[in-house]
Each structure stands twice: as structure tokens, then as C-alpha cells.
C-alpha atoms as a PDB file:
ATOM      1  CA  UNK A   1      -2.228  -6.855   0.785  1.00  0.00           C
ATOM      2  CA  UNK A   2       0.772  -9.091   0.625  1.00  0.00           C
ATOM      3  CA  UNK A   3       3.010  -9.899   3.411  1.00  0.00           C
ATOM      4  CA  UNK A   4       5.633  -7.257   1.609  1.00  0.00           C
ATOM      5  CA  UNK A   5       3.289  -3.854   0.925  1.00  0.00           C
ATOM      6  CA  UNK A   6       2.452  -4.423   5.074  1.00  0.00           C
ATOM      7  CA  UNK A   7       5.982  -4.285   6.268  1.00  0.00           C
ATOM      8  CA  UNK A   8       6.706  -1.030   3.398  1.00  0.00           C
ATOM      9  CA  UNK A   9       3.313   0.492   5.291  1.00  0.00           C
ATOM     10  CA  UNK A  10       4.628  -0.321   8.755  1.00  0.00           C
ATOM     11  CA  UNK A  11       8.038   0.806   7.998  1.00  0.00           C
ATOM     12  CA  UNK A  12       6.741   3.880   5.833  1.00  0.00           C
ATOM     13  CA  UNK A  13       4.260   4.641   8.844  1.00  0.00           C
ATOM     14  CA  UNK A  14       7.506   4.480  11.097  1.00  0.00           C
ATOM     15  CA  UNK A  15       9.684   6.497   8.731  1.00  0.00           C
ATOM     16  CA  UNK A  16       7.988   9.556   8.050  1.00  0.00           C
ATOM     17  CA  UNK A  17       5.161  10.470  11.386  1.00  0.00           C
ATOM     18  CA  UNK A  18       7.303   8.455  13.406  1.00  0.00           C
ATOM     19  CA  UNK A  19       4.027   6.562  14.350  1.00  0.00           C
ATOM     20  CA  UNK A  20       4.539   3.756  16.694  1.00  0.00           C
ATOM     21  CA  UNK A  21       3.827   0.788  14.440  1.00  0.00           C
ATOM     22  CA  UNK A  22       5.148  -3.078  14.432  1.00  0.00           C
ATOM     23  CA  UNK A  23       5.412  -5.867  12.915  1.00  0.00           C
ATOM     24  CA  UNK A  24       2.802  -8.367  14.124  1.00  0.00           C
ATOM     25  CA  UNK A  25       1.667 -12.001  13.005  1.00  0.00           C
ATOM     26  CA  UNK A  26      -2.274 -11.752  12.685  1.00  0.00           C
ATOM     27  CA  UNK A  27      -4.696 -13.694  11.517  1.00  0.00           C
ATOM     28  CA  UNK A  28      -8.809 -12.898  10.989  1.00  0.00           C
ATOM     29  CA  UNK A  29     -11.319 -15.414   9.860  1.00  0.00           C
ATOM     30  CA  UNK A  30     -15.258 -14.409   9.507  1.00  0.00           C
ATOM     31  CA  UNK A  31     -17.762 -17.154  10.814  1.00  0.00           C
ATOM     32  CA  UNK A  32     -20.629 -16.366   7.961  1.00  0.00           C
ATOM     33  CA  UNK A  33     -23.128 -16.957  10.411  1.00  0.00           C
ATOM     34  CA  UNK A  34     -23.822 -14.306  13.066  1.00  0.00           C
ATOM     35  CA  UNK A  35     -21.267 -11.741  11.390  1.00  0.00           C
ATOM     36  CA  UNK A  36     -18.506 -12.223  13.793  1.00  0.00           C
ATOM     37  CA  UNK A  37     -14.439 -11.741  13.303  1.00  0.00           C
ATOM     38  CA  UNK A  38     -12.026 -13.700  15.011  1.00  0.00           C
ATOM     39  CA  UNK A  39      -8.675 -11.551  15.223  1.00  0.00           C
ATOM     40  CA  UNK A  40      -5.226 -13.463  16.767  1.00  0.00           C
ATOM     41  CA  UNK A  41      -2.077 -10.811  17.216  1.00  0.00           C
ATOM     42  CA  UNK A  42       1.256 -11.615  18.229  1.00  0.00           C
ATOM     43  CA  UNK A  43       3.329  -8.853  17.980  1.00  0.00           C
ATOM     44  CA  UNK A  44       6.176 -10.532  20.160  1.00  0.00           C
ATOM     45  CA  UNK A  45       6.177 -12.878  23.509  1.00  0.00           C
ATOM     46  CA  UNK A  46       4.886 -10.442  25.776  1.00  0.00           C
ATOM     47  CA  UNK A  47       2.224  -8.905  23.015  1.00  0.00           C
ATOM     48  CA  UNK A  48      -0.463 -10.458  21.871  1.00  0.00           C
ATOM     49  CA  UNK A  49      -4.263 -10.648  21.471  1.00  0.00           C
ATOM     50  CA  UNK A  50      -6.928 -12.318  20.900  1.00  0.00           C
ATOM     51  CA  UNK A  51     -10.540 -11.217  20.306  1.00  0.00           C
ATOM     52  CA  UNK A  52     -13.709 -11.944  19.088  1.00  0.00           C
ATOM     53  CA  UNK A  53     -16.262  -9.018  17.854  1.00  0.00           C
ATOM     54  CA  UNK A  54     -19.527  -8.467  16.012  1.00  0.00           C
ATOM     55  CA  UNK A  55     -21.441  -5.235  15.232  1.00  0.00           C
ATOM     56  CA  UNK A  56     -25.194  -5.133  17.005  1.00  0.00           C
ATOM     57  CA  UNK A  57     -26.815  -2.254  15.426  1.00  0.00           C
ATOM     58  CA  UNK A  58     -27.907   0.170  13.060  1.00  0.00           C
ATOM     59  CA  UNK A  59     -24.996   1.851  11.097  1.00  0.00           C
ATOM     60  CA  UNK A  60     -24.692   5.778  12.064  1.00  0.00           C
ATOM     61  CA  UNK A  61     -23.000   8.617  11.463  1.00  0.00           C
ATOM     62  CA  UNK A  62     -21.180   9.945  15.006  1.00  0.00           C
ATOM     63  CA  UNK A  63     -23.052  13.438  15.761  1.00  0.00           C
ATOM     64  CA  UNK A  64     -21.043  16.706  16.269  1.00  0.00           C
ATOM     65  CA  UNK A  65     -20.530  17.087  19.815  1.00  0.00           C
ATOM     66  CA  UNK A  66     -20.942  13.204  21.135  1.00  0.00           C
ATOM     67  CA  UNK A  67     -17.731  11.184  22.765  1.00  0.00           C
ATOM     68  CA  UNK A  68     -18.319   8.890  18.881  1.00  0.00           C
ATOM     69  CA  UNK A  69     -17.706  11.563  16.902  1.00  0.00           C
ATOM     70  CA  UNK A  70     -15.068  13.198  19.261  1.00  0.00           C
ATOM     71  CA  UNK A  71     -13.445  10.182  18.911  1.00  0.00           C
ATOM     72  CA  UNK A  72     -13.367   9.129  15.163  1.00  0.00           C
ATOM     73  CA  UNK A  73     -13.081  12.616  13.089  1.00  0.00           C
ATOM     74  CA  UNK A  74      -9.900  13.379  13.288  1.00  0.00           C
ATOM     75  CA  UNK A  75      -8.312  15.932  10.125  1.00  0.00           C
ATOM     76  CA  UNK A  76      -5.550  16.107  11.007  1.00  0.00           C
ATOM     77  CA  UNK A  77      -2.297  14.097  13.149  1.00  0.00           C
ATOM     78  CA  UNK A  78      -0.035  15.434  15.377  1.00  0.00           C
ATOM     79  CA  UNK A  79       3.672  13.831  15.951  1.00  0.00           C
ATOM     80  CA  UNK A  80       7.339  14.473  16.457  1.00  0.00           C
ATOM     81  CA  UNK A  81      10.063  15.216  14.298  1.00  0.00           C
ATOM     82  CA  UNK A  82      13.453  13.722  14.637  1.00  0.00           C
ATOM     83  CA  UNK A  83      14.159  16.616  16.313  1.00  0.00           C
ATOM     84  CA  UNK A  84      11.570  16.587  19.009  1.00  0.00           C
ATOM     85  CA  UNK A  85      10.019  19.505  16.915  1.00  0.00           C
ATOM     86  CA  UNK A  86       5.581  19.126  17.355  1.00  0.00           C
ATOM     87  CA  UNK A  87       4.413  18.649  13.246  1.00  0.00           C
ATOM     88  CA  UNK A  88       1.123  17.682  11.940  1.00  0.00           C
ATOM     89  CA  UNK A  89      -0.288  15.735   8.775  1.00  0.00           C
ATOM     90  CA  UNK A  90      -3.532  17.105   7.300  1.00  0.00           C
ATOM     91  CA  UNK A  91      -5.721  13.677   6.554  1.00  0.00           C
ATOM     92  CA  UNK A  92      -8.947  13.540   4.707  1.00  0.00           C
ATOM     93  CA  UNK A  93     -11.910  10.460   5.227  1.00  0.00           C
ATOM     94  CA  UNK A  94     -15.642  10.107   4.482  1.00  0.00           C
ATOM     95  CA  UNK A  95     -17.294  10.536   8.249  1.00  0.00           C
ATOM     96  CA  UNK A  96     -17.007   7.245   9.920  1.00  0.00           C
ATOM     97  CA  UNK A  97     -20.361   5.157   9.561  1.00  0.00           C
ATOM     98  CA  UNK A  98     -20.059   3.105  13.283  1.00  0.00           C
ATOM     99  CA  UNK A  99     -21.801   0.216  14.527  1.00  0.00           C
ATOM    100  CA  UNK A 100     -22.157  -0.846  18.066  1.00  0.00           C
ATOM    101  CA  UNK A 101     -20.237  -3.909  19.005  1.00  0.00           C
ATOM    102  CA  UNK A 102     -19.510  -6.584  21.065  1.00  0.00           C
ATOM    103  CA  UNK A 103     -16.569  -8.210  21.661  1.00  0.00           C
ATOM    104  CA  UNK A 104     -15.089 -11.640  23.730  1.00  0.00           C
ATOM    105  CA  UNK A 105     -12.139 -10.830  24.318  1.00  0.00           C
ATOM    106  CA  UNK A 106      -9.721 -13.690  25.758  1.00  0.00           C
ATOM    107  CA  UNK A 107      -6.573 -12.257  25.589  1.00  0.00           C
ATOM    108  CA  UNK A 108      -4.988  -9.145  25.261  1.00  0.00           C
ATOM    109  CA  UNK A 109      -1.136  -8.038  26.854  1.00  0.00           C
ATOM    110  CA  UNK A 110      -0.329  -5.548  24.068  1.00  0.00           C
ATOM    111  CA  UNK A 111      -0.354  -2.694  27.180  1.00  0.00           C
ATOM    112  CA  UNK A 112       1.576  -5.181  29.230  1.00  0.00           C
ATOM    113  CA  UNK A 113       5.278  -4.059  27.924  1.00  0.00           C
ATOM    114  CA  UNK A 114       3.681  -0.093  29.028  1.00  0.00           C
ATOM    115  CA  UNK A 115       2.986  -1.229  32.259  1.00  0.00           C
ATOM    116  CA  UNK A 116      -0.587  -0.305  31.725  1.00  0.00           C
ATOM    117  CA  UNK A 117      -3.523  -2.332  32.772  1.00  0.00           C
ATOM    118  CA  UNK A 118      -6.289  -2.591  30.519  1.00  0.00           C
ATOM    119  CA  UNK A 119      -9.792  -3.319  32.094  1.00  0.00           C
ATOM    120  CA  UNK A 120     -11.553  -6.667  31.217  1.00  0.00           C
ATOM    121  CA  UNK A 121     -14.283  -5.307  28.787  1.00  0.00           C
ATOM    122  CA  UNK A 122     -14.103  -2.535  27.016  1.00  0.00           C
ATOM    123  CA  UNK A 123     -16.355   0.563  28.010  1.00  0.00           C
ATOM    124  CA  UNK A 124     -16.913   1.174  24.656  1.00  0.00           C
ATOM    125  CA  UNK A 125     -16.890  -0.412  21.477  1.00  0.00           C
ATOM    126  CA  UNK A 126     -18.314   0.919  18.046  1.00  0.00           C
ATOM    127  CA  UNK A 127     -16.969  -1.303  14.786  1.00  0.00           C
ATOM    128  CA  UNK A 128     -16.725   0.761  11.241  1.00  0.00           C
ATOM    129  CA  UNK A 129     -16.243  -1.226   8.414  1.00  0.00           C
ATOM    130  CA  UNK A 130     -13.251  -0.405   5.416  1.00  0.00           C
ATOM    131  CA  UNK A 131     -12.387   2.869   4.985  1.00  0.00           C
ATOM    132  CA  UNK A 132      -9.550   4.856   2.426  1.00  0.00           C
ATOM    133  CA  UNK A 133      -7.694   7.678   4.014  1.00  0.00           C
ATOM    134  CA  UNK A 134      -5.237   9.504   2.373  1.00  0.00           C
ATOM    135  CA  UNK A 135      -2.878  11.220   4.745  1.00  0.00           C
ATOM    136  CA  UNK A 136      -0.065  14.363   3.712  1.00  0.00           C
ATOM    137  CA  UNK A 137       3.305  14.778   4.105  1.00  0.00           C
ATOM    138  CA  UNK A 138       3.741  15.969   7.631  1.00  0.00           C
ATOM    139  CA  UNK A 139       5.335  19.671   8.318  1.00  0.00           C
ATOM    140  CA  UNK A 140       6.046  21.925  10.745  1.00  0.00           C
ATOM    141  CA  UNK A 141       2.830  22.531  13.555  1.00  0.00           C
ATOM    142  CA  UNK A 142       3.936  25.902  15.228  1.00  0.00           C
END
């Protein structure tokens, strides 16, 4: 996706679904030997992330009733419209295929602007390959 296409996607998500998406400078590198991916993200002077991560286990589809299934198998987005009414949008995607993962977080100030303190290490971490998702326009939820 080009820079212009990414800017349009961010603008579309903010306008259509009122999602808190922001423009950011991002770099990504893949270490071919160990499968480690290195990311740096700088959204502003107060919001940045530097992390290296890699999958460490076999692929699985989360079983219904598990925490992984609850966290990933979402098929509806809820938000509010400009009048603060609740609206929803249907989402379609194949079931997520996850892998356990590990990460080294060198810097994470993404939650700092909101006065949220994050733990030093994530308590749950998975890897998922890119997946296409289809989302429909929002409509009144009630």
C-alpha cells in the first residue's frame, strides 16, 4: 500500500467508522534467519513503539470458548455516529490462524498520551499472518 493509499485508509476509518486511527511513520524489517520482524512506529513526540517479535509455535485456529477465540473472532464493529448514537458494521473474514509468539519491546509510549500504564511484558501474545477483511457501512444498532 502506498503512502497516499494509507492516508486514505486512515481518513476513511476515521470518517466512516469514527475509529481513533492516526497517521504514523512506520518501518518494518524481517530478519530472514530467525523470522524476527522489527517494527518502529512514531505517531508523535509522545507516542512511539519499537518492538521485535516472532512466532514460536504451531499454527492453530482458536477453539470456541477460549480467550483467543473471544479476542479474535469478531464479526461486528460497534461505534458511535456524530450524534453519539450507537451504530454497528458487519465484518467478514476467515477464522484467524494464530501462532504463539514472543516479543522484545524496546520502547512503548503508545498509551502514555491517555495516562494508561502498560506492563513491561504482554501477558498474552500471538502472531497472525495478513488476512483480508470485508466491512460493510455502519447502520443503527438499536
